[in-house]
Amino acid sequence: MDIQFEEMASLGSIDDYLIECGYILDNQKYVPQIEMVGIERSFIEFAEC
């Protein structure tokens, strides 16, 4: 992934790529316009009664 961003930086196409992926530039920061969903694994311990 780093190589892809290095290439886009040298070609000047990072802005186009991020806009195509659903981001907008707001106060010099790219903000996603789609809901990001994440998954977090959690564990629950049960005590014997």
PDB file of N, CA and C in Angstrom:
ATOM      1  N   MET A   1       0.825  -1.181   0.000  1.00  0.00           N
ATOM      2  CA  MET A   1       0.000   0.000   0.000  1.00  0.00           C
ATOM      3  C   MET A   1       0.873   1.251   0.000  1.00  0.00           C
ATOM      4  N   ASP A   2       1.983   1.246   0.724  1.00  0.00           N
ATOM      5  CA  ASP A   2       2.866   2.416   0.760  1.00  0.00           C
ATOM      6  C   ASP A   2       3.382   2.762  -0.633  1.00  0.00           C
ATOM      7  N   ILE A   3       3.705   1.739  -1.414  1.00  0.00           N
ATOM      8  CA  ILE A   3       4.220   1.980  -2.767  1.00  0.00           C
ATOM      9  C   ILE A   3       3.168   2.674  -3.615  1.00  0.00           C
ATOM     10  N   GLN A   4       1.911   2.251  -3.465  1.00  0.00           N
ATOM     11  CA  GLN A   4       0.827   2.866  -4.234  1.00  0.00           C
ATOM     12  C   GLN A   4       0.730   4.354  -3.907  1.00  0.00           C
ATOM     13  N   PHE A   5       0.773   4.714  -2.626  1.00  0.00           N
ATOM     14  CA  PHE A   5       0.660   6.114  -2.242  1.00  0.00           C
ATOM     15  C   PHE A   5       1.893   6.913  -2.661  1.00  0.00           C
ATOM     16  N   GLU A   6       3.072   6.294  -2.624  1.00  0.00           N
ATOM     17  CA  GLU A   6       4.282   6.976  -3.097  1.00  0.00           C
ATOM     18  C   GLU A   6       4.168   7.289  -4.590  1.00  0.00           C
ATOM     19  N   GLU A   7       3.674   6.336  -5.364  1.00  0.00           N
ATOM     20  CA  GLU A   7       3.490   6.554  -6.801  1.00  0.00           C
ATOM     21  C   GLU A   7       2.466   7.652  -7.075  1.00  0.00           C
ATOM     22  N   MET A   8       1.337   7.594  -6.352  1.00  0.00           N
ATOM     23  CA  MET A   8       0.310   8.610  -6.558  1.00  0.00           C
ATOM     24  C   MET A   8       0.827   9.993  -6.165  1.00  0.00           C
ATOM     25  N   ALA A   9       1.650  10.056  -5.119  1.00  0.00           N
ATOM     26  CA  ALA A   9       2.223  11.342  -4.701  1.00  0.00           C
ATOM     27  C   ALA A   9       3.133  11.887  -5.790  1.00  0.00           C
ATOM     28  N   SER A  10       3.943  11.022  -6.388  1.00  0.00           N
ATOM     29  CA  SER A  10       4.857  11.494  -7.433  1.00  0.00           C
ATOM     30  C   SER A  10       4.110  11.911  -8.700  1.00  0.00           C
ATOM     31  N   LEU A  11       2.943  11.289  -8.942  1.00  0.00           N
ATOM     32  CA  LEU A  11       2.138  11.635 -10.112  1.00  0.00           C
ATOM     33  C   LEU A  11       1.145  12.766  -9.828  1.00  0.00           C
ATOM     34  N   GLY A  12       0.974  13.095  -8.533  1.00  0.00           N
ATOM     35  CA  GLY A  12       0.035  14.144  -8.164  1.00  0.00           C
ATOM     36  C   GLY A  12      -1.421  13.719  -8.251  1.00  0.00           C
ATOM     37  N   SER A  13      -1.697  12.434  -8.024  1.00  0.00           N
ATOM     38  CA  SER A  13      -3.069  11.935  -8.180  1.00  0.00           C
ATOM     39  C   SER A  13      -3.713  11.454  -6.882  1.00  0.00           C
ATOM     40  N   ILE A  14      -3.098  11.736  -5.737  1.00  0.00           N
ATOM     41  CA  ILE A  14      -3.681  11.292  -4.464  1.00  0.00           C
ATOM     42  C   ILE A  14      -5.041  11.949  -4.245  1.00  0.00           C
ATOM     43  N   ASP A  15      -5.153  13.244  -4.509  1.00  0.00           N
ATOM     44  CA  ASP A  15      -6.432  13.943  -4.322  1.00  0.00           C
ATOM     45  C   ASP A  15      -7.540  13.288  -5.126  1.00  0.00           C
ATOM     46  N   ASP A  16      -7.279  13.006  -6.392  1.00  0.00           N
ATOM     47  CA  ASP A  16      -8.284  12.368  -7.249  1.00  0.00           C
ATOM     48  C   ASP A  16      -8.689  11.005  -6.708  1.00  0.00           C
ATOM     49  N   TYR A  17      -7.706  10.243  -6.248  1.00  0.00           N
ATOM     50  CA  TYR A  17      -7.972   8.900  -5.730  1.00  0.00           C
ATOM     51  C   TYR A  17      -8.869   8.963  -4.491  1.00  0.00           C
ATOM     52  N   LEU A  18      -8.534   9.836  -3.536  1.00  0.00           N
ATOM     53  CA  LEU A  18      -9.314   9.930  -2.305  1.00  0.00           C
ATOM     54  C   LEU A  18     -10.733  10.426  -2.569  1.00  0.00           C
ATOM     55  N   ILE A  19     -10.887  11.361  -3.477  1.00  0.00           N
ATOM     56  CA  ILE A  19     -12.223  11.850  -3.837  1.00  0.00           C
ATOM     57  C   ILE A  19     -13.033  10.721  -4.466  1.00  0.00           C
ATOM     58  N   GLU A  20     -12.388   9.936  -5.312  1.00  0.00           N
ATOM     59  CA  GLU A  20     -13.063   8.792  -5.943  1.00  0.00           C
ATOM     60  C   GLU A  20     -13.480   7.754  -4.900  1.00  0.00           C
ATOM     61  N   CYS A  21     -12.730   7.655  -3.794  1.00  0.00           N
ATOM     62  CA  CYS A  21     -13.036   6.700  -2.731  1.00  0.00           C
ATOM     63  C   CYS A  21     -14.064   7.234  -1.733  1.00  0.00           C
ATOM     64  N   GLY A  22     -14.589   8.449  -1.950  1.00  0.00           N
ATOM     65  CA  GLY A  22     -15.651   8.956  -1.110  1.00  0.00           C
ATOM     66  C   GLY A  22     -15.231   9.939  -0.033  1.00  0.00           C
ATOM     67  N   TYR A  23     -14.039  10.510  -0.148  1.00  0.00           N
ATOM     68  CA  TYR A  23     -13.572  11.503   0.814  1.00  0.00           C
ATOM     69  C   TYR A  23     -13.746  12.899   0.231  1.00  0.00           C
ATOM     70  N   ILE A  24     -13.908  13.892   1.129  1.00  0.00           N
ATOM     71  CA  ILE A  24     -13.890  15.285   0.693  1.00  0.00           C
ATOM     72  C   ILE A  24     -12.822  16.015   1.496  1.00  0.00           C
ATOM     73  N   LEU A  25     -12.276  17.059   0.921  1.00  0.00           N
ATOM     74  CA  LEU A  25     -11.259  17.865   1.589  1.00  0.00           C
ATOM     75  C   LEU A  25     -11.959  18.945   2.397  1.00  0.00           C
ATOM     76  N   ASP A  26     -11.716  18.949   3.717  1.00  0.00           N
ATOM     77  CA  ASP A  26     -12.346  19.912   4.617  1.00  0.00           C
ATOM     78  C   ASP A  26     -11.279  20.445   5.566  1.00  0.00           C
ATOM     79  N   ASN A  27     -10.940  21.715   5.423  1.00  0.00           N
ATOM     80  CA  ASN A  27      -9.916  22.345   6.268  1.00  0.00           C
ATOM     81  C   ASN A  27      -8.596  21.571   6.237  1.00  0.00           C
ATOM     82  N   GLN A  28      -8.134  21.256   5.043  1.00  0.00           N
ATOM     83  CA  GLN A  28      -6.859  20.568   4.819  1.00  0.00           C
ATOM     84  C   GLN A  28      -6.828  19.123   5.341  1.00  0.00           C
ATOM     85  N   LYS A  29      -8.006  18.528   5.614  1.00  0.00           N
ATOM     86  CA  LYS A  29      -8.095  17.134   6.043  1.00  0.00           C
ATOM     87  C   LYS A  29      -9.117  16.420   5.170  1.00  0.00           C
ATOM     88  N   TYR A  30      -8.834  15.186   4.831  1.00  0.00           N
ATOM     89  CA  TYR A  30      -9.787  14.390   4.071  1.00  0.00           C
ATOM     90  C   TYR A  30     -10.753  13.716   5.040  1.00  0.00           C
ATOM     91  N   VAL A  31     -12.035  13.889   4.803  1.00  0.00           N
ATOM     92  CA  VAL A  31     -13.086  13.368   5.672  1.00  0.00           C
ATOM     93  C   VAL A  31     -13.918  12.373   4.863  1.00  0.00           C
ATOM     94  N   PRO A  32     -14.107  11.139   5.401  1.00  0.00           N
ATOM     95  CA  PRO A  32     -14.917  10.172   4.660  1.00  0.00           C
ATOM     96  C   PRO A  32     -16.382  10.582   4.643  1.00  0.00           C
ATOM     97  N   GLN A  33     -17.037  10.386   3.513  1.00  0.00           N
ATOM     98  CA  GLN A  33     -18.456  10.706   3.378  1.00  0.00           C
ATOM     99  C   GLN A  33     -19.321   9.471   3.459  1.00  0.00           C
ATOM    100  N   ILE A  34     -18.713   8.355   3.789  1.00  0.00           N
ATOM    101  CA  ILE A  34     -19.450   7.106   3.973  1.00  0.00           C
ATOM    102  C   ILE A  34     -19.217   6.638   5.402  1.00  0.00           C
ATOM    103  N   GLU A  35     -20.134   5.866   5.925  1.00  0.00           N
ATOM    104  CA  GLU A  35     -20.003   5.356   7.285  1.00  0.00           C
ATOM    105  C   GLU A  35     -18.946   4.268   7.319  1.00  0.00           C
ATOM    106  N   MET A  36     -18.001   4.405   8.216  1.00  0.00           N
ATOM    107  CA  MET A  36     -16.967   3.390   8.392  1.00  0.00           C
ATOM    108  C   MET A  36     -17.444   2.398   9.445  1.00  0.00           C
ATOM    109  N   VAL A  37     -17.362   1.130   9.129  1.00  0.00           N
ATOM    110  CA  VAL A  37     -17.810   0.089  10.039  1.00  0.00           C
ATOM    111  C   VAL A  37     -16.596  -0.742  10.425  1.00  0.00           C
ATOM    112  N   GLY A  38     -16.453  -0.990  11.701  1.00  0.00           N
ATOM    113  CA  GLY A  38     -15.333  -1.797  12.176  1.00  0.00           C
ATOM    114  C   GLY A  38     -15.830  -2.968  12.992  1.00  0.00           C
ATOM    115  N   ILE A  39     -14.980  -3.924  13.155  1.00  0.00           N
ATOM    116  CA  ILE A  39     -15.305  -5.106  13.941  1.00  0.00           C
ATOM    117  C   ILE A  39     -14.267  -5.227  15.043  1.00  0.00           C
ATOM    118  N   GLU A  40     -14.748  -5.412  16.244  1.00  0.00           N
ATOM    119  CA  GLU A  40     -13.850  -5.567  17.377  1.00  0.00           C
ATOM    120  C   GLU A  40     -14.181  -6.878  18.065  1.00  0.00           C
ATOM    121  N   ARG A  41     -13.177  -7.678  18.300  1.00  0.00           N
ATOM    122  CA  ARG A  41     -13.377  -8.958  18.966  1.00  0.00           C
ATOM    123  C   ARG A  41     -13.341  -8.735  20.472  1.00  0.00           C
ATOM    124  N   SER A  42     -14.283  -9.322  21.189  1.00  0.00           N
ATOM    125  CA  SER A  42     -14.291  -9.213  22.641  1.00  0.00           C
ATOM    126  C   SER A  42     -14.533 -10.589  23.244  1.00  0.00           C
ATOM    127  N   PHE A  43     -14.111 -10.732  24.472  1.00  0.00           N
ATOM    128  CA  PHE A  43     -14.247 -12.009  25.166  1.00  0.00           C
ATOM    129  C   PHE A  43     -15.017 -11.786  26.458  1.00  0.00           C
ATOM    130  N   ILE A  44     -15.841 -12.763  26.818  1.00  0.00           N
ATOM    131  CA  ILE A  44     -16.613 -12.706  28.055  1.00  0.00           C
ATOM    132  C   ILE A  44     -16.276 -13.954  28.855  1.00  0.00           C
ATOM    133  N   GLU A  45     -15.955 -13.739  30.129  1.00  0.00           N
ATOM    134  CA  GLU A  45     -15.671 -14.864  31.004  1.00  0.00           C
ATOM    135  C   GLU A  45     -16.888 -15.149  31.875  1.00  0.00           C
ATOM    136  N   PHE A  46     -17.183 -16.410  32.081  1.00  0.00           N
ATOM    137  CA  PHE A  46     -18.299 -16.821  32.925  1.00  0.00           C
ATOM    138  C   PHE A  46     -17.733 -17.537  34.142  1.00  0.00           C
ATOM    139  N   ALA A  47     -18.282 -17.185  35.289  1.00  0.00           N
ATOM    140  CA  ALA A  47     -17.889 -17.855  36.519  1.00  0.00           C
ATOM    141  C   ALA A  47     -18.868 -19.000  36.767  1.00  0.00           C
ATOM    142  N   GLU A  48     -18.354 -20.082  37.288  1.00  0.00           N
ATOM    143  CA  GLU A  48     -19.234 -21.220  37.603  1.00  0.00           C
ATOM    144  C   GLU A  48     -19.992 -20.899  38.883  1.00  0.00           C
ATOM    145  N   CYS A  49     -21.281 -21.262  38.907  1.00  0.00           N
ATOM    146  CA  CYS A  49     -22.118 -20.987  40.090  1.00  0.00           C
ATOM    147  C   CYS A  49     -22.114 -22.142  41.030  1.00  0.00           C
TER     148      CYS A  49
END
